[in-house]
Amino acid sequence: MCGSVGAAKAAQKQAAVETIKAGYDRYIITSAAAASNVTATQMPGHYNTYGTINSYGGYGTVNATTTYTPGPIIYGGSHDQSIGVVMFKDGEPGSNQAVSAREVLGPKWAVIVKDGVNLCN
């Protein structure tokens, strides 16, 4: 829906939300992986031919128009992101190297923790 960059941003915000929900203050992303298997397939279309026949004294003409209407495009697959996270409470050894979950989410962090991550933002 929002591409690999959007999936990474959503995963980072989700890590911050889960850190706060678990009672921690900070986190470090220790591993990350991404994959995309998104495809777009054009389905077959169809042709329509419309014409008229004109006849004049044994001679005739045909006027015809053929139009092609393409088939729909079918999208499938997903952008996937996985991360490994280590969580810390303020003051624990290693917490000074970790990112503040509240700072990642911004001033409305409590609302985001309550309502969840808005994808692609």
Protein backbone atom coordinates (compact mmCIF):
# COMPACT_ATOMS: atom_id res chain seq x y z
CA MET A 1 0.00 0.00 0.00
CA CYS A 2 2.69 2.49 0.90
CA GLY A 3 5.81 0.85 -0.51
CA SER A 4 8.90 -0.41 1.23
CA VAL A 5 9.84 3.01 2.66
CA GLY A 6 6.35 3.44 4.09
CA ALA A 7 6.43 -0.08 5.50
CA ALA A 8 9.76 0.69 7.22
CA LYS A 9 8.35 3.91 8.73
CA ALA A 10 5.23 2.09 9.93
CA ALA A 11 7.39 -0.69 11.44
CA GLN A 12 9.51 1.89 13.29
CA LYS A 13 6.41 3.60 14.69
CA GLN A 14 4.93 0.23 15.65
CA ALA A 15 8.16 -0.62 17.50
CA ALA A 16 7.80 2.61 19.46
CA VAL A 17 4.15 1.86 20.27
CA GLU A 18 4.96 -1.68 21.42
CA THR A 19 7.86 -0.39 23.52
CA ILE A 20 5.55 1.95 25.43
CA LYS A 21 2.80 -0.68 25.74
CA ALA A 22 5.32 -3.12 27.22
CA GLY A 23 6.26 -0.57 29.90
CA TYR A 24 9.60 0.49 28.39
CA ASP A 25 10.85 3.91 27.32
CA ARG A 26 13.48 3.32 24.65
CA TYR A 27 14.38 0.80 21.98
CA ILE A 28 17.05 -0.22 19.51
CA ILE A 29 16.25 -1.91 16.22
CA THR A 30 18.74 -4.76 16.06
CA SER A 31 17.81 -6.27 12.72
CA ALA A 32 15.61 -5.45 9.77
CA ALA A 33 14.53 -7.13 6.57
CA ALA A 34 12.29 -6.07 3.71
CA ALA A 35 10.71 -7.82 0.77
CA SER A 36 8.37 -6.83 -2.01
CA ASN A 37 6.47 -9.24 -4.19
CA VAL A 38 4.00 -6.72 -5.63
CA THR A 39 2.80 -7.46 -9.15
CA ALA A 40 0.46 -5.81 -11.63
CA THR A 41 -1.20 -8.00 -14.25
CA GLN A 42 -3.17 -6.66 -17.20
CA MET A 43 -6.16 -8.90 -17.86
CA PRO A 44 -7.28 -9.54 -21.44
CA GLY A 45 -9.48 -6.93 -23.04
CA HIS A 46 -12.07 -7.27 -25.78
CA TYR A 47 -12.76 -5.94 -29.28
CA ASN A 48 -16.07 -4.50 -30.46
CA THR A 49 -16.77 -3.97 -34.15
CA TYR A 50 -19.68 -1.86 -35.34
CA GLY A 51 -20.49 -1.36 -39.00
CA THR A 52 -23.00 -0.38 -41.62
CA ILE A 53 -23.58 -1.78 -45.10
CA ASN A 54 -24.59 0.57 -47.86
CA SER A 55 -25.92 -0.86 -51.13
CA TYR A 56 -26.19 1.14 -54.40
CA GLY A 57 -27.41 -0.56 -57.56
CA GLY A 58 -25.69 -3.88 -56.95
CA TYR A 59 -22.57 -2.32 -55.45
CA GLY A 60 -22.01 -2.07 -51.74
CA THR A 61 -19.70 -0.56 -49.19
CA VAL A 62 -19.02 -1.43 -45.62
CA ASN A 63 -18.08 1.14 -43.01
CA ALA A 64 -16.76 -0.46 -39.84
CA THR A 65 -15.10 0.70 -36.64
CA THR A 66 -13.34 -1.61 -34.23
CA THR A 67 -12.51 -0.48 -30.71
CA TYR A 68 -10.40 -2.26 -28.15
CA THR A 69 -11.23 -2.01 -24.46
CA PRO A 70 -8.35 -3.16 -22.24
CA GLY A 71 -9.07 -5.45 -19.33
CA PRO A 72 -8.65 -4.42 -15.71
CA ILE A 73 -5.29 -4.31 -13.97
CA ILE A 74 -5.10 -6.72 -11.05
CA TYR A 75 -2.62 -5.85 -8.29
CA GLY A 76 -1.33 -8.45 -5.89
CA GLY A 77 1.42 -9.13 -3.38
CA SER A 78 2.71 -7.04 -0.52
CA HIS A 79 5.54 -4.91 0.81
CA ASP A 80 6.81 -6.64 3.94
CA GLN A 81 9.04 -5.36 6.71
CA SER A 82 10.31 -7.24 9.75
CA ILE A 83 12.43 -5.90 12.58
CA GLY A 84 14.11 -7.11 15.75
CA VAL A 85 13.79 -4.78 18.73
CA VAL A 86 15.52 -4.59 22.14
CA MET A 87 13.65 -2.46 24.70
CA PHE A 88 15.06 -0.47 27.61
CA LYS A 89 13.77 1.47 30.58
CA ASP A 90 15.33 4.88 31.17
CA GLY A 91 18.56 4.52 33.19
CA GLU A 92 19.18 0.84 32.33
CA PRO A 93 22.58 -0.07 30.92
CA GLY A 94 22.50 0.57 27.18
CA SER A 95 19.49 2.90 27.32
CA ASN A 96 21.66 5.91 26.51
CA GLN A 97 22.28 4.35 23.05
CA ALA A 98 18.58 3.65 22.48
CA VAL A 99 15.92 5.80 20.79
CA SER A 100 13.15 7.38 22.82
CA ALA A 101 9.84 5.81 21.81
CA ARG A 102 7.92 8.95 22.77
CA GLU A 103 10.20 11.17 20.66
CA VAL A 104 9.72 8.89 17.63
CA LEU A 105 5.93 9.18 17.95
CA GLY A 106 5.97 12.92 18.65
CA PRO A 107 3.91 15.10 20.96
CA LYS A 108 0.71 13.11 20.36
CA TRP A 109 2.37 9.83 21.36
CA ALA A 110 -0.36 8.89 23.86
CA VAL A 111 -3.06 9.12 21.16
CA ILE A 112 -0.97 7.04 18.75
CA VAL A 113 -0.37 4.37 21.41
CA LYS A 114 -4.12 4.28 22.11
CA ASP A 115 -5.37 4.39 18.50
CA GLY A 116 -2.53 2.58 16.72
CA VAL A 117 -0.15 3.44 13.92
CA ASN A 118 -1.54 5.24 10.87
CA LEU A 119 0.12 3.51 7.93
CA CYS A 120 2.18 5.46 5.40
CA ASN A 121 2.45 8.62 7.54
